[in-house]
Amino acid sequence: MDDSEDPNADVQYHIEVGEGDVADAVLLPGNPERVDKITQFWDSATEVAYHREYRTATGTYDDASISVTSTGIGGPSAAIAVEELARIGADTFIRVGSCGAIQEEMNVGDLVITTGGVRQEGTSDEYVREDYPAVADYEVVAALVAAAERLGYDYHTGITMSADSFYAGQGRPGFEGFSAEGGDELVEHLKNANVKNIEMEASAIMTIANIYGLRSGAVCSVYANRETGEFRTEGESHAAETASLAVKLLAQMDDQKAAAGVERWHPGLSLD
């Protein structure tokens, strides 16, 4: 194999980033254009690499080291990002994106903080049996909730469904009105099961992170409500700022764990 195709080379094959280029915590938007929309909240940011859909920047947010890598659309490319970032030292991943809400009370612009995922994407099936759960790390969930509260942003917590298809796989009509089998009932079944939202990367990220013993979670802004028919590209900056503050809070959690001599943060430890 040519060294340039070695996934264990010093510079990772797809993201073109090496050891020392990223912080322990990495935000994972889909769209490379969201990198600038995230780093606008940071104190400093430097672009490290831009290859294919993978755009990476590293900097600081309120003195906490932080990175961002765009993943493109869907589980396969998100999995590559997690794999290669983990190889160069990252251990915390927060998806930052947009989603469609499926509960009527959820408004466009609200945030959804994922606690677990319905694995309708196929990427995680390549890693582990289908009944293995996609679960967010509770420290990440706690940090995201605390960040949203401090910033005053409306948010919801709960289960996210991740799909491999934007159209037929999410119950939308395909080309010339094509409908996938069960597509007409999909959203209603998910709604009845109290699933909050639909997107395309979170469950793959969480499953892979859990397999490797890494922290992960997701915060998405609601662009559309499938029940009310409302659609606006709103709340993107709220998700970006919430995730950035969450990284700062996670760093504080890590410091408190070290001081207390414990492995996991818990509510008995303060979070200033």
Protein backbone atom coordinates (compact mmCIF):
# COMPACT_ATOMS: atom_id res chain seq x y z
CA MET A 1 0.00 0.00 0.00
CA ASP A 2 1.25 3.51 -0.85
CA ASP A 3 2.03 5.58 2.26
CA SER A 4 -0.44 8.24 1.11
CA GLU A 5 -3.24 5.68 1.44
CA ASP A 6 -2.18 4.39 4.86
CA PRO A 7 -4.97 5.30 7.34
CA ASN A 8 -2.43 5.14 10.15
CA ALA A 9 0.04 7.58 8.61
CA ASP A 10 1.12 10.69 10.56
CA VAL A 11 -1.24 12.82 8.48
CA GLN A 12 -4.62 11.16 8.20
CA TYR A 13 -5.62 10.17 4.69
CA HIS A 14 -9.01 11.88 4.42
CA ILE A 15 -8.90 14.79 6.86
CA GLU A 16 -5.20 15.58 6.22
CA VAL A 17 -4.62 16.41 9.89
CA GLY A 18 -1.87 15.07 12.15
CA GLU A 19 -1.07 14.77 15.84
CA GLY A 20 -0.95 18.12 17.61
CA ASP A 21 -3.26 19.76 15.06
CA VAL A 22 -6.51 19.29 16.99
CA ALA A 23 -7.76 19.66 20.55
CA ASP A 24 -9.14 16.82 22.64
CA ALA A 25 -12.68 18.05 21.89
CA VAL A 26 -13.86 18.43 18.30
CA LEU A 27 -17.14 19.86 17.04
CA LEU A 28 -18.55 18.05 13.99
CA PRO A 29 -20.77 20.08 11.66
CA GLY A 30 -21.74 18.62 8.31
CA ASN A 31 -21.31 21.60 6.01
CA PRO A 32 -17.75 23.00 5.66
CA GLU A 33 -19.31 26.48 5.52
CA ARG A 34 -20.44 26.00 9.12
CA VAL A 35 -16.84 26.05 10.31
CA ASP A 36 -16.71 29.85 10.07
CA LYS A 37 -20.13 30.11 11.71
CA ILE A 38 -18.79 28.13 14.66
CA THR A 39 -15.38 29.76 15.01
CA GLN A 40 -16.94 33.25 15.07
CA PHE A 41 -17.72 32.56 18.73
CA TRP A 42 -14.15 31.57 19.59
CA ASP A 43 -11.37 33.78 20.90
CA SER A 44 -9.01 32.48 18.22
CA ALA A 45 -9.11 30.02 15.33
CA THR A 46 -6.67 28.79 12.69
CA GLU A 47 -7.60 26.62 9.72
CA VAL A 48 -5.51 23.46 9.89
CA ALA A 49 -6.64 21.57 6.79
CA TYR A 50 -9.29 21.46 4.07
CA HIS A 51 -9.55 18.26 2.04
CA ARG A 52 -12.72 16.99 0.36
CA GLU A 53 -15.62 17.66 2.76
CA TYR A 54 -13.28 17.76 5.76
CA ARG A 55 -12.41 21.29 6.89
CA THR A 56 -10.62 21.57 10.23
CA ALA A 57 -9.83 24.55 12.44
CA THR A 58 -8.34 24.71 15.92
CA GLY A 59 -8.41 27.51 18.46
CA THR A 60 -9.64 28.55 21.89
CA TYR A 61 -13.01 29.34 23.42
CA ASP A 62 -12.81 31.13 26.77
CA ASP A 63 -9.30 29.69 27.26
CA ALA A 64 -10.43 26.12 26.46
CA SER A 65 -8.74 24.37 23.54
CA ILE A 66 -11.27 23.43 20.85
CA SER A 67 -11.37 22.16 17.26
CA VAL A 68 -13.96 21.76 14.55
CA THR A 69 -14.01 19.36 11.59
CA SER A 70 -16.77 19.32 9.00
CA THR A 71 -17.91 15.82 8.04
CA GLY A 72 -20.05 16.22 4.95
CA ILE A 73 -23.45 14.55 4.81
CA GLY A 74 -24.26 11.20 6.37
CA GLY A 75 -22.85 8.46 8.53
CA PRO A 76 -20.06 7.13 6.27
CA SER A 77 -18.15 10.41 6.07
CA ALA A 78 -18.86 11.23 9.72
CA ALA A 79 -17.43 7.85 10.73
CA ILE A 80 -14.24 8.57 8.79
CA ALA A 81 -13.87 11.86 10.64
CA VAL A 82 -14.30 10.21 14.05
CA GLU A 83 -11.90 7.39 13.15
CA GLU A 84 -9.14 9.67 11.93
CA LEU A 85 -9.56 12.33 14.63
CA ALA A 86 -9.41 9.64 17.31
CA ARG A 87 -6.17 8.35 15.79
CA ILE A 88 -4.53 11.73 16.38
CA GLY A 89 -5.74 12.15 19.95
CA ALA A 90 -9.28 13.56 19.98
CA ASP A 91 -11.52 11.99 22.61
CA THR A 92 -14.69 14.11 22.65
CA PHE A 93 -17.02 14.67 19.70
CA ILE A 94 -20.09 16.89 19.47
CA ARG A 95 -22.17 16.90 16.32
CA VAL A 96 -23.40 20.42 15.53
CA GLY A 97 -26.05 20.49 12.85
CA SER A 98 -29.61 21.00 11.73
CA CYS A 99 -32.58 18.69 11.90
CA GLY A 100 -36.27 18.20 11.31
CA ALA A 101 -38.47 18.08 14.41
CA ILE A 102 -41.40 15.67 14.57
CA GLN A 103 -43.11 16.78 17.78
CA GLU A 104 -45.68 19.53 17.33
CA GLU A 105 -44.57 21.61 20.32
CA MET A 106 -41.04 22.04 18.95
CA ASN A 107 -40.43 25.37 17.22
CA VAL A 108 -38.15 26.22 14.33
CA GLY A 109 -34.99 27.66 15.88
CA ASP A 110 -35.16 25.48 18.98
CA LEU A 111 -32.24 23.22 19.85
CA VAL A 112 -32.39 19.43 20.20
CA ILE A 113 -29.81 17.89 22.53
CA THR A 114 -29.61 14.20 21.72
CA THR A 115 -29.62 11.64 24.53
CA GLY A 116 -29.76 8.57 22.28
CA GLY A 117 -30.33 7.56 18.70
CA VAL A 118 -32.44 5.35 16.48
CA ARG A 119 -29.88 3.71 14.19
CA GLN A 120 -31.64 3.87 10.83
CA GLU A 121 -28.31 4.69 9.18
CA GLY A 122 -26.27 1.76 7.95
CA THR A 123 -22.78 2.89 8.91
CA SER A 124 -22.95 1.77 12.53
CA ASP A 125 -24.18 -1.64 11.36
CA GLU A 126 -20.71 -2.10 9.87
CA TYR A 127 -19.28 -1.85 13.38
CA VAL A 128 -21.64 -3.68 15.71
CA ARG A 129 -24.85 -5.73 15.92
CA GLU A 130 -28.06 -3.83 15.23
CA ASP A 131 -29.41 -4.02 18.80
CA TYR A 132 -26.38 -2.16 20.21
CA PRO A 133 -27.62 1.24 21.42
CA ALA A 134 -26.53 4.63 20.15
CA VAL A 135 -26.18 6.65 23.34
CA ALA A 136 -24.77 10.09 24.05
CA ASP A 137 -22.23 10.44 26.84
CA TYR A 138 -23.99 11.87 29.88
CA GLU A 139 -21.19 14.37 30.56
CA VAL A 140 -21.65 15.76 27.05
CA VAL A 141 -25.43 15.91 27.50
CA ALA A 142 -25.03 17.67 30.86
CA ALA A 143 -22.57 20.18 29.38
CA LEU A 144 -24.85 20.93 26.41
CA VAL A 145 -27.88 21.40 28.68
CA ALA A 146 -25.92 23.67 31.02
CA ALA A 147 -24.64 25.68 28.04
CA ALA A 148 -28.13 26.12 26.55
CA GLU A 149 -29.45 27.19 29.95
CA ARG A 150 -26.67 29.74 30.46
CA LEU A 151 -27.17 31.16 26.98
CA GLY A 152 -30.95 31.27 27.35
CA TYR A 153 -31.73 29.18 24.27
CA ASP A 154 -34.86 27.05 24.02
CA TYR A 155 -33.97 23.38 23.83
CA HIS A 156 -35.36 19.85 23.99
CA THR A 157 -33.64 16.63 25.02
CA GLY A 158 -34.45 13.16 23.77
CA ILE A 159 -34.08 10.52 21.11
CA THR A 160 -32.88 11.35 17.59
CA MET A 161 -33.41 9.20 14.51
CA SER A 162 -30.49 9.16 12.07
CA ALA A 163 -31.16 8.16 8.47
CA ASP A 164 -29.00 7.50 5.41
CA SER A 165 -31.42 9.23 3.04
CA PHE A 166 -32.73 12.79 3.10
CA TYR A 167 -35.71 12.00 0.93
CA ALA A 168 -37.26 8.51 0.89
CA GLY A 169 -35.48 7.38 4.06
CA GLN A 170 -37.05 10.22 6.03
CA GLY A 171 -40.56 9.70 4.72
CA ARG A 172 -40.30 12.42 2.06
CA PRO A 173 -41.31 11.78 -1.54
CA GLY A 174 -38.50 10.88 -3.89
CA PHE A 175 -38.15 11.70 -7.57
CA GLU A 176 -41.54 11.79 -9.32
CA GLY A 177 -43.29 11.11 -6.03
CA PHE A 178 -41.58 7.82 -5.25
CA SER A 179 -42.40 6.54 -1.77
CA ALA A 180 -40.28 3.98 0.08
CA GLU A 181 -42.06 1.05 1.69
CA GLY A 182 -43.34 2.23 5.06
CA GLY A 183 -42.41 5.81 4.29
CA ASP A 184 -45.94 7.12 4.72
CA GLU A 185 -46.05 5.81 8.29
CA LEU A 186 -42.45 6.46 9.33
CA VAL A 187 -42.80 9.89 10.90
CA GLU A 188 -46.03 8.96 12.70
CA HIS A 189 -44.42 5.85 14.21
CA LEU A 190 -41.40 7.85 15.37
CA LYS A 191 -43.62 10.59 16.77
CA ASN A 192 -45.67 8.06 18.74
CA ALA A 193 -42.44 6.65 20.19
CA ASN A 194 -41.51 10.16 21.42
CA VAL A 195 -38.57 10.53 19.04
CA LYS A 196 -37.77 14.24 18.84
CA ASN A 197 -36.01 14.79 15.55
CA ILE A 198 -34.50 13.35 12.38
CA GLU A 199 -31.01 13.99 10.98
CA MET A 200 -28.25 11.92 9.35
CA GLU A 201 -25.09 11.59 11.44
CA ALA A 202 -25.66 11.46 15.21
CA SER A 203 -26.29 7.76 15.75
CA ALA A 204 -23.20 6.71 13.77
CA ILE A 205 -21.02 9.15 15.71
CA MET A 206 -22.39 8.04 19.08
CA THR A 207 -22.19 4.33 18.32
CA ILE A 208 -18.59 4.48 17.13
CA ALA A 209 -17.56 6.74 20.01
CA ASN A 210 -19.05 4.34 22.55
CA ILE A 211 -17.31 1.36 20.97
CA TYR A 212 -13.98 3.16 21.32
CA GLY A 213 -14.66 4.51 24.83
CA LEU A 214 -14.85 8.12 23.66
CA ARG A 215 -17.29 10.90 24.63
CA SER A 216 -19.86 12.11 22.13
CA GLY A 217 -23.18 13.85 21.75
CA ALA A 218 -25.14 16.10 19.43
CA VAL A 219 -26.91 19.43 19.36
CA CYS A 220 -28.97 20.41 16.33
CA SER A 221 -31.04 23.44 15.48
CA VAL A 222 -34.56 22.80 14.23
CA TYR A 223 -34.90 23.96 10.64
CA ALA A 224 -38.24 22.28 9.97
CA ASN A 225 -41.15 20.86 11.91
CA ARG A 226 -42.59 17.90 10.03
CA GLU A 227 -45.88 18.15 11.96
CA THR A 228 -46.60 21.85 11.43
CA GLY A 229 -44.98 22.21 8.00
CA GLU A 230 -42.91 25.17 9.18
CA PHE A 231 -39.43 25.59 7.64
CA ARG A 232 -36.75 28.25 8.17
CA THR A 233 -32.95 28.07 8.36
CA GLU A 234 -32.88 29.43 11.89
CA GLY A 235 -30.96 28.72 15.08
CA GLU A 236 -27.71 27.60 13.48
CA SER A 237 -25.67 30.10 15.50
CA HIS A 238 -27.37 28.95 18.71
CA ALA A 239 -26.22 25.37 18.16
CA ALA A 240 -22.69 26.57 17.37
CA GLU A 241 -22.43 28.74 20.47
CA THR A 242 -24.00 26.10 22.72
CA ALA A 243 -21.57 23.42 21.55
CA SER A 244 -18.59 25.75 21.97
CA LEU A 245 -19.58 26.65 25.53
CA ALA A 246 -20.19 22.95 26.25
CA VAL A 247 -16.53 22.23 25.40
CA LYS A 248 -15.49 24.85 27.97
CA LEU A 249 -17.76 23.23 30.55
CA LEU A 250 -16.43 19.76 29.74
CA ALA A 251 -12.91 21.06 30.36
CA GLN A 252 -14.08 22.31 33.75
CA MET A 253 -15.65 18.92 34.45
CA ASP A 254 -12.35 17.22 33.62
CA ASP A 255 -10.48 19.53 36.00
CA GLN A 256 -12.97 18.83 38.78
CA LYS A 257 -12.70 15.08 38.24
CA ALA A 258 -8.92 15.27 38.49
CA ALA A 259 -9.10 17.36 41.66
CA ALA A 260 -11.59 14.97 43.27
CA GLY A 261 -9.75 11.85 42.12
CA VAL A 262 -12.79 10.41 40.32
CA GLU A 263 -13.21 9.07 36.80
CA ARG A 264 -16.64 10.54 35.99
CA TRP A 265 -18.21 13.92 36.64
CA HIS A 266 -21.41 13.90 38.68
CA PRO A 267 -23.82 16.55 40.02
CA GLY A 268 -22.10 16.42 43.42
CA LEU A 269 -19.16 18.25 41.82
CA SER A 270 -19.59 21.93 41.19
CA LEU A 271 -19.77 23.42 37.69
CA ASP A 272 -18.90 27.11 37.95
